[in-house]
Amino acid sequence: MAKDAWSRFREKEEARVEEEKKKMHEQMKQIDPSAEIGASTTTDQILIELLTKCEGMMEQITNLYNMWVQGMERTPPTTQRKHLDNMILKIQAAPKPTTNLKFRVAQFHTKFSTYKDKWDRLLKDVESGKLVVKRRGS
């Protein structure tokens, strides 16, 4: 028995949705290889998890900068900062299907910019001599 036009349309639409979901999961896996992505995992869940990880990383980097200024660390946390920068770029490039998620990513990017300015200012103050970095054993 021949299928009517609506049945064929629904089948094509379901196949298209599945293909897009598969593409999104592949993109999310590239962004965060450690993420556990199942069949029911949505892009929103993955991006929210990444944003939470990045917020923790920002706090950790701030603490490492403070430890560097106090002399507990020998060098500023440049490798951690580069890793965070790369994650931020990947998050911005990821598809954001909902307005809520677009807002959260924009809000997070603003927060990251504030932290980045703070870190840059700290480095500038140390380089100019306004802020003296204590050294252990000296």
C-alpha atoms as a PDB file:
ATOM      1  CA  MET A   1       0.000   0.000   0.000  1.00  0.00           C
ATOM      2  CA  ALA A   2       1.334   3.422  -0.955  1.00  0.00           C
ATOM      3  CA  LYS A   3       2.030   5.938   1.770  1.00  0.00           C
ATOM      4  CA  ASP A   4       0.336   9.279   1.671  1.00  0.00           C
ATOM      5  CA  ALA A   5       2.280  12.517   1.458  1.00  0.00           C
ATOM      6  CA  TRP A   6       2.019  13.314   5.177  1.00  0.00           C
ATOM      7  CA  SER A   7       3.457   9.953   6.200  1.00  0.00           C
ATOM      8  CA  ARG A   8       6.413  10.423   3.879  1.00  0.00           C
ATOM      9  CA  PHE A   9       6.894  13.989   5.165  1.00  0.00           C
ATOM     10  CA  ARG A  10       6.853  12.829   8.820  1.00  0.00           C
ATOM     11  CA  GLU A  11       9.389  10.080   8.063  1.00  0.00           C
ATOM     12  CA  LYS A  12      11.705  12.523   6.305  1.00  0.00           C
ATOM     13  CA  GLU A  13      11.325  15.022   9.139  1.00  0.00           C
ATOM     14  CA  GLU A  14      12.120  12.371  11.783  1.00  0.00           C
ATOM     15  CA  ALA A  15      15.179  11.273   9.799  1.00  0.00           C
ATOM     16  CA  ARG A  16      16.320  14.900   9.504  1.00  0.00           C
ATOM     17  CA  VAL A  17      15.890  15.482  13.242  1.00  0.00           C
ATOM     18  CA  GLU A  18      17.852  12.313  14.041  1.00  0.00           C
ATOM     19  CA  GLU A  19      20.640  13.362  11.669  1.00  0.00           C
ATOM     20  CA  GLU A  20      20.865  16.815  13.281  1.00  0.00           C
ATOM     21  CA  LYS A  21      20.897  15.258  16.739  1.00  0.00           C
ATOM     22  CA  LYS A  22      23.720  12.953  15.661  1.00  0.00           C
ATOM     23  CA  LYS A  23      25.706  15.916  14.274  1.00  0.00           C
ATOM     24  CA  MET A  24      25.207  17.878  17.499  1.00  0.00           C
ATOM     25  CA  HIS A  25      26.378  14.942  19.599  1.00  0.00           C
ATOM     26  CA  GLU A  26      29.508  14.651  17.444  1.00  0.00           C
ATOM     27  CA  GLN A  27      30.191  18.368  17.844  1.00  0.00           C
ATOM     28  CA  MET A  28      29.665  18.170  21.597  1.00  0.00           C
ATOM     29  CA  LYS A  29      32.018  15.192  21.803  1.00  0.00           C
ATOM     30  CA  GLN A  30      34.679  17.289  20.057  1.00  0.00           C
ATOM     31  CA  ILE A  31      34.164  20.104  22.556  1.00  0.00           C
ATOM     32  CA  ASP A  32      34.325  17.900  25.644  1.00  0.00           C
ATOM     33  CA  PRO A  33      35.632  14.365  25.001  1.00  0.00           C
ATOM     34  CA  SER A  34      35.125  13.423  28.661  1.00  0.00           C
ATOM     35  CA  ALA A  35      31.382  14.152  28.530  1.00  0.00           C
ATOM     36  CA  GLU A  36      29.124  11.144  28.707  1.00  0.00           C
ATOM     37  CA  ILE A  37      26.743  11.627  25.823  1.00  0.00           C
ATOM     38  CA  GLY A  38      23.857   9.232  25.615  1.00  0.00           C
ATOM     39  CA  ALA A  39      20.960   9.010  23.211  1.00  0.00           C
ATOM     40  CA  SER A  40      18.802  11.211  25.438  1.00  0.00           C
ATOM     41  CA  THR A  41      21.511  13.796  26.190  1.00  0.00           C
ATOM     42  CA  THR A  42      20.624  17.214  24.846  1.00  0.00           C
ATOM     43  CA  THR A  43      22.897  19.995  23.675  1.00  0.00           C
ATOM     44  CA  ASP A  44      21.594  22.138  26.527  1.00  0.00           C
ATOM     45  CA  GLN A  45      22.725  19.601  29.135  1.00  0.00           C
ATOM     46  CA  ILE A  46      26.191  19.322  27.627  1.00  0.00           C
ATOM     47  CA  LEU A  47      26.730  23.068  27.335  1.00  0.00           C
ATOM     48  CA  ILE A  48      25.435  23.703  30.854  1.00  0.00           C
ATOM     49  CA  GLU A  49      27.856  21.054  32.156  1.00  0.00           C
ATOM     50  CA  LEU A  50      30.721  22.704  30.231  1.00  0.00           C
ATOM     51  CA  LEU A  51      29.800  26.144  31.542  1.00  0.00           C
ATOM     52  CA  THR A  52      29.822  24.779  35.090  1.00  0.00           C
ATOM     53  CA  LYS A  53      33.270  23.245  34.533  1.00  0.00           C
ATOM     54  CA  CYS A  54      34.575  26.505  33.091  1.00  0.00           C
ATOM     55  CA  GLU A  55      33.267  28.531  36.041  1.00  0.00           C
ATOM     56  CA  GLY A  56      35.177  26.229  38.376  1.00  0.00           C
ATOM     57  CA  MET A  57      38.270  26.605  36.225  1.00  0.00           C
ATOM     58  CA  MET A  58      38.000  30.406  36.382  1.00  0.00           C
ATOM     59  CA  GLU A  59      37.912  30.302  40.176  1.00  0.00           C
ATOM     60  CA  GLN A  60      40.851  27.895  40.215  1.00  0.00           C
ATOM     61  CA  ILE A  61      42.901  30.135  37.889  1.00  0.00           C
ATOM     62  CA  THR A  62      42.138  33.158  40.064  1.00  0.00           C
ATOM     63  CA  ASN A  63      43.377  31.225  43.091  1.00  0.00           C
ATOM     64  CA  LEU A  64      46.521  30.199  41.208  1.00  0.00           C
ATOM     65  CA  TYR A  65      47.219  33.842  40.286  1.00  0.00           C
ATOM     66  CA  ASN A  66      46.811  34.808  43.961  1.00  0.00           C
ATOM     67  CA  MET A  67      49.154  32.000  44.993  1.00  0.00           C
ATOM     68  CA  TRP A  68      51.676  33.216  42.392  1.00  0.00           C
ATOM     69  CA  VAL A  69      51.578  36.760  43.774  1.00  0.00           C
ATOM     70  CA  GLN A  70      52.044  35.429  47.317  1.00  0.00           C
ATOM     71  CA  GLY A  71      55.033  33.367  46.224  1.00  0.00           C
ATOM     72  CA  MET A  72      53.501  29.896  46.578  1.00  0.00           C
ATOM     73  CA  GLU A  73      53.662  29.304  42.819  1.00  0.00           C
ATOM     74  CA  ARG A  74      56.741  29.982  40.700  1.00  0.00           C
ATOM     75  CA  THR A  75      54.932  31.013  37.513  1.00  0.00           C
ATOM     76  CA  PRO A  76      51.518  32.403  36.589  1.00  0.00           C
ATOM     77  CA  PRO A  77      48.984  29.790  35.393  1.00  0.00           C
ATOM     78  CA  THR A  78      49.385  30.413  31.658  1.00  0.00           C
ATOM     79  CA  THR A  79      48.759  26.816  30.546  1.00  0.00           C
ATOM     80  CA  GLN A  80      45.524  26.570  32.525  1.00  0.00           C
ATOM     81  CA  ARG A  81      44.434  29.906  31.144  1.00  0.00           C
ATOM     82  CA  LYS A  82      45.122  28.804  27.545  1.00  0.00           C
ATOM     83  CA  HIS A  83      43.130  25.621  28.155  1.00  0.00           C
ATOM     84  CA  LEU A  84      40.216  27.688  29.475  1.00  0.00           C
ATOM     85  CA  ASP A  85      40.472  30.072  26.491  1.00  0.00           C
ATOM     86  CA  ASN A  86      40.238  27.106  24.109  1.00  0.00           C
ATOM     87  CA  MET A  87      37.193  25.725  25.929  1.00  0.00           C
ATOM     88  CA  ILE A  88      35.506  29.139  25.762  1.00  0.00           C
ATOM     89  CA  LEU A  89      36.117  29.347  22.010  1.00  0.00           C
ATOM     90  CA  LYS A  90      34.625  25.877  21.535  1.00  0.00           C
ATOM     91  CA  ILE A  91      31.583  26.769  23.642  1.00  0.00           C
ATOM     92  CA  GLN A  92      31.009  29.903  21.577  1.00  0.00           C
ATOM     93  CA  ALA A  93      31.263  27.917  18.349  1.00  0.00           C
ATOM     94  CA  ALA A  94      28.825  25.243  19.548  1.00  0.00           C
ATOM     95  CA  PRO A  95      25.200  25.369  18.406  1.00  0.00           C
ATOM     96  CA  LYS A  96      22.835  26.969  20.924  1.00  0.00           C
ATOM     97  CA  PRO A  97      19.330  25.813  20.076  1.00  0.00           C
ATOM     98  CA  THR A  98      17.449  27.709  22.785  1.00  0.00           C
ATOM     99  CA  THR A  99      17.284  31.368  23.736  1.00  0.00           C
ATOM    100  CA  ASN A 100      17.922  30.440  27.365  1.00  0.00           C
ATOM    101  CA  LEU A 101      21.172  28.772  26.408  1.00  0.00           C
ATOM    102  CA  LYS A 102      22.223  31.707  24.217  1.00  0.00           C
ATOM    103  CA  PHE A 103      21.649  34.023  27.181  1.00  0.00           C
ATOM    104  CA  ARG A 104      23.610  31.794  29.584  1.00  0.00           C
ATOM    105  CA  VAL A 105      26.568  31.577  27.194  1.00  0.00           C
ATOM    106  CA  ALA A 106      26.551  35.363  26.664  1.00  0.00           C
ATOM    107  CA  GLN A 107      26.350  35.931  30.426  1.00  0.00           C
ATOM    108  CA  PHE A 108      29.204  33.485  30.979  1.00  0.00           C
ATOM    109  CA  HIS A 109      31.311  35.173  28.294  1.00  0.00           C
ATOM    110  CA  THR A 110      30.821  38.522  30.041  1.00  0.00           C
ATOM    111  CA  LYS A 111      31.935  36.995  33.334  1.00  0.00           C
ATOM    112  CA  PHE A 112      34.956  35.433  31.620  1.00  0.00           C
ATOM    113  CA  SER A 113      35.896  38.792  30.071  1.00  0.00           C
ATOM    114  CA  THR A 114      35.813  40.380  33.518  1.00  0.00           C
ATOM    115  CA  TYR A 115      38.105  37.686  34.936  1.00  0.00           C
ATOM    116  CA  LYS A 116      40.392  37.951  31.914  1.00  0.00           C
ATOM    117  CA  ASP A 117      40.717  41.726  32.399  1.00  0.00           C
ATOM    118  CA  LYS A 118      41.483  41.159  36.079  1.00  0.00           C
ATOM    119  CA  TRP A 119      44.226  38.635  35.260  1.00  0.00           C
ATOM    120  CA  ASP A 120      45.715  40.870  32.556  1.00  0.00           C
ATOM    121  CA  ARG A 121      45.738  43.831  34.948  1.00  0.00           C
ATOM    122  CA  LEU A 122      47.479  41.713  37.589  1.00  0.00           C
ATOM    123  CA  LEU A 123      50.167  40.661  35.100  1.00  0.00           C
ATOM    124  CA  LYS A 124      50.582  44.260  33.942  1.00  0.00           C
ATOM    125  CA  ASP A 125      50.954  45.492  37.539  1.00  0.00           C
ATOM    126  CA  VAL A 126      53.608  42.864  38.249  1.00  0.00           C
ATOM    127  CA  GLU A 127      55.509  43.714  35.055  1.00  0.00           C
ATOM    128  CA  SER A 128      55.398  47.461  35.734  1.00  0.00           C
ATOM    129  CA  GLY A 129      56.526  47.018  39.338  1.00  0.00           C
ATOM    130  CA  LYS A 130      53.322  48.293  40.988  1.00  0.00           C
ATOM    131  CA  LEU A 131      52.872  44.894  42.551  1.00  0.00           C
ATOM    132  CA  VAL A 132      55.804  42.953  43.931  1.00  0.00           C
ATOM    133  CA  VAL A 133      55.638  39.173  43.703  1.00  0.00           C
ATOM    134  CA  LYS A 134      56.992  37.589  46.863  1.00  0.00           C
ATOM    135  CA  ARG A 135      59.471  34.773  46.388  1.00  0.00           C
ATOM    136  CA  ARG A 136      59.923  31.917  48.790  1.00  0.00           C
ATOM    137  CA  GLY A 137      63.388  31.550  50.207  1.00  0.00           C
ATOM    138  CA  SER A 138      64.462  35.088  49.323  1.00  0.00           C
END
